[in-house]
Amino acid sequence: MNEQDTERAVGILNRIMELELAGVVRYTHYALMIYGYNRIPIVSWLKGNADESLAHAHKAGELVTLLGGHPSLKIGTLLETEKHDVGDILRESLEHEKAAVASYYELLTLAEGKSVLLEEYAREMIVGEELHLDEVNKMLRKSGDVQAFRS
C-alpha cells in the first residue's frame, strides 16, 4: 500500500474502533435496561455483544498502530432514544451494526490487492458482523416468520 492508502486505512480503522467502542457503551446500557421474564438470557447476550465490541475495537486499534498510526480516543455516536423495549433495542442494534459492516466493507475495498493482512481482517470481520446482523434479524421476527425483518 502506498502512503495515501495507509493513511486512509488508518482513518477507516479509527472509525471502526470508534464504532466498536460505541457498541461497548450501547450494549452495556441496553443490558441494564432489560426487564421482564426473559431478562436473564437477553442481558447475557447483550453483555456478550459488549465484550465482543471491545475485542473488535482493540483489534482495530492494534492495526492502526501496526500501520504507524495513532489510535483514536473518540467514541462513535451514542443516541439515547429513551426506548427500552427489547424490540426497540434490537432495531437500534441492527442500525448500529449496519454502520460497522459498511466501514469494514470500505476497508476491504481499499485493501483489495494491496494488503492481504487488511483484506483478511476485513473479510473476517464482515463475516462475523453479517452473522450477527442475521441473528438480530431473526430475533426481531415473530415466531414462525421465515421472511427477513425489514426495518
Protein backbone atom coordinates (compact mmCIF):
# COMPACT_ATOMS: atom_id res chain seq x y z
CA MET A 1 0.00 0.00 0.00
CA ASN A 2 1.21 3.48 -0.73
CA GLU A 3 1.34 6.23 1.90
CA GLN A 4 -2.03 7.69 0.91
CA ASP A 5 -3.73 4.27 1.13
CA THR A 6 -2.12 3.67 4.50
CA GLU A 7 -3.44 6.99 5.81
CA ARG A 8 -6.92 6.17 4.51
CA ALA A 9 -6.74 2.70 6.10
CA VAL A 10 -5.76 4.25 9.44
CA GLY A 11 -8.72 6.63 9.17
CA ILE A 12 -11.14 3.79 8.44
CA LEU A 13 -9.68 1.64 11.23
CA ASN A 14 -10.02 4.53 13.68
CA ARG A 15 -13.67 4.95 12.64
CA ILE A 16 -14.17 1.20 13.17
CA MET A 17 -12.55 1.49 16.58
CA GLU A 18 -14.87 4.40 17.48
CA LEU A 19 -17.95 2.48 16.28
CA GLU A 20 -16.95 -0.62 18.23
CA LEU A 21 -16.30 1.40 21.40
CA ALA A 22 -19.74 2.97 20.99
CA GLY A 23 -21.04 -0.59 20.76
CA VAL A 24 -19.49 -1.37 24.16
CA VAL A 25 -21.34 1.55 25.73
CA ARG A 26 -24.54 0.88 23.81
CA TYR A 27 -24.73 -2.83 24.67
CA THR A 28 -23.79 -2.21 28.29
CA HIS A 29 -26.58 0.36 28.57
CA TYR A 30 -29.06 -1.94 26.86
CA ALA A 31 -28.17 -4.79 29.24
CA LEU A 32 -29.01 -2.55 32.18
CA MET A 33 -32.38 -1.59 30.71
CA ILE A 34 -33.86 -5.06 30.16
CA TYR A 35 -36.77 -6.06 32.36
CA GLY A 36 -39.25 -8.89 32.34
CA TYR A 37 -39.40 -12.67 32.22
CA ASN A 38 -36.73 -13.10 29.55
CA ARG A 39 -34.27 -10.72 31.20
CA ILE A 40 -31.50 -13.18 32.06
CA PRO A 41 -30.78 -14.63 28.59
CA ILE A 42 -31.18 -11.24 26.88
CA VAL A 43 -28.87 -9.49 29.36
CA SER A 44 -26.32 -12.26 28.90
CA TRP A 45 -26.50 -11.89 25.11
CA LEU A 46 -26.11 -8.10 25.32
CA LYS A 47 -23.12 -8.38 27.69
CA GLY A 48 -21.53 -10.81 25.25
CA ASN A 49 -22.00 -8.25 22.48
CA ALA A 50 -20.35 -5.57 24.63
CA ASP A 51 -17.37 -7.86 25.24
CA GLU A 52 -17.15 -8.67 21.52
CA SER A 53 -17.28 -4.97 20.59
CA LEU A 54 -14.39 -4.25 22.97
CA ALA A 55 -12.34 -7.04 21.40
CA HIS A 56 -13.12 -5.66 17.93
CA ALA A 57 -12.10 -2.14 18.99
CA HIS A 58 -8.83 -3.47 20.36
CA LYS A 59 -8.12 -5.41 17.18
CA ALA A 60 -8.75 -2.31 15.02
CA GLY A 61 -6.51 -0.25 17.31
CA GLU A 62 -3.71 -2.79 17.03
CA LEU A 63 -3.89 -2.50 13.24
CA VAL A 64 -3.78 1.30 13.49
CA THR A 65 -0.50 1.07 15.41
CA LEU A 66 0.82 -1.65 13.07
CA LEU A 67 0.34 0.84 10.21
CA GLY A 68 2.15 3.55 12.15
CA GLY A 69 -0.99 5.47 13.07
CA HIS A 70 -2.32 6.83 16.33
CA PRO A 71 -5.45 5.14 17.77
CA SER A 72 -8.41 7.45 18.20
CA LEU A 73 -9.57 8.49 21.65
CA LYS A 74 -13.02 9.27 20.28
CA ILE A 75 -16.13 7.19 20.57
CA GLY A 76 -18.79 6.76 17.92
CA THR A 77 -22.17 8.43 18.07
CA LEU A 78 -24.35 7.49 21.01
CA LEU A 79 -28.03 8.27 20.77
CA GLU A 80 -30.35 7.88 23.74
CA THR A 81 -33.78 7.29 22.28
CA GLU A 82 -35.40 6.59 25.66
CA LYS A 83 -36.90 3.48 24.02
CA HIS A 84 -36.07 0.40 26.03
CA ASP A 85 -38.45 -2.21 24.70
CA VAL A 86 -36.45 -5.25 23.57
CA GLY A 87 -37.68 -4.75 20.01
CA ASP A 88 -36.56 -1.11 20.03
CA ILE A 89 -33.18 -2.11 21.41
CA LEU A 90 -32.74 -4.76 18.73
CA ARG A 91 -33.73 -2.34 15.95
CA GLU A 92 -31.21 0.22 17.25
CA SER A 93 -28.61 -2.53 17.43
CA LEU A 94 -29.35 -3.50 13.85
CA GLU A 95 -28.73 0.05 12.62
CA HIS A 96 -25.52 0.34 14.63
CA GLU A 97 -24.20 -2.96 13.28
CA LYS A 98 -25.04 -1.96 9.69
CA ALA A 99 -22.81 1.11 10.10
CA ALA A 100 -19.97 -1.08 11.35
CA VAL A 101 -20.35 -3.51 8.44
CA ALA A 102 -20.24 -0.60 5.98
CA SER A 103 -16.92 0.52 7.47
CA TYR A 104 -15.46 -2.98 7.19
CA TYR A 105 -16.54 -3.12 3.54
CA GLU A 106 -14.92 0.26 2.95
CA LEU A 107 -11.66 -1.08 4.39
CA LEU A 108 -11.93 -4.22 2.25
CA THR A 109 -12.40 -2.14 -0.91
CA LEU A 110 -9.35 -0.05 -0.06
CA ALA A 111 -7.16 -3.04 0.85
CA GLU A 112 -8.07 -5.37 -2.04
CA GLY A 113 -4.95 -6.30 -3.97
CA LYS A 114 -2.81 -4.08 -1.74
CA SER A 115 -2.69 -5.70 1.70
CA VAL A 116 -3.52 -9.34 2.39
CA LEU A 117 -3.44 -8.58 6.12
CA LEU A 118 -6.11 -5.87 5.91
CA GLU A 119 -8.13 -7.81 3.33
CA GLU A 120 -8.29 -10.89 5.52
CA TYR A 121 -9.03 -8.84 8.63
CA ALA A 122 -11.88 -7.03 6.86
CA ARG A 123 -13.29 -10.26 5.43
CA GLU A 124 -13.18 -11.99 8.83
CA MET A 125 -14.92 -9.06 10.50
CA ILE A 126 -17.55 -8.81 7.74
CA VAL A 127 -18.40 -12.49 8.14
CA GLY A 128 -18.81 -12.12 11.90
CA GLU A 129 -20.81 -8.89 11.66
CA GLU A 130 -23.12 -10.24 8.94
CA LEU A 131 -23.80 -13.35 11.04
CA HIS A 132 -24.55 -11.03 13.97
CA LEU A 133 -26.93 -8.99 11.79
CA ASP A 134 -28.70 -12.21 10.82
CA GLU A 135 -29.01 -13.18 14.47
CA VAL A 136 -30.59 -9.83 15.36
CA ASN A 137 -32.85 -10.04 12.32
CA LYS A 138 -34.10 -13.45 13.43
CA MET A 139 -34.69 -12.14 16.96
CA LEU A 140 -36.89 -9.38 15.51
CA ARG A 141 -39.15 -11.86 13.70
CA LYS A 142 -42.29 -13.23 15.21
CA SER A 143 -42.21 -16.94 15.92
CA GLY A 144 -42.94 -18.80 12.70
CA ASP A 145 -41.95 -15.96 10.37
CA VAL A 146 -39.47 -17.07 7.73
CA GLN A 147 -39.19 -13.75 5.87
CA ALA A 148 -36.38 -11.44 6.95
CA PHE A 149 -37.26 -8.50 9.16
CA ARG A 150 -37.38 -5.24 7.17
CA SER A 151 -36.54 -2.07 9.06
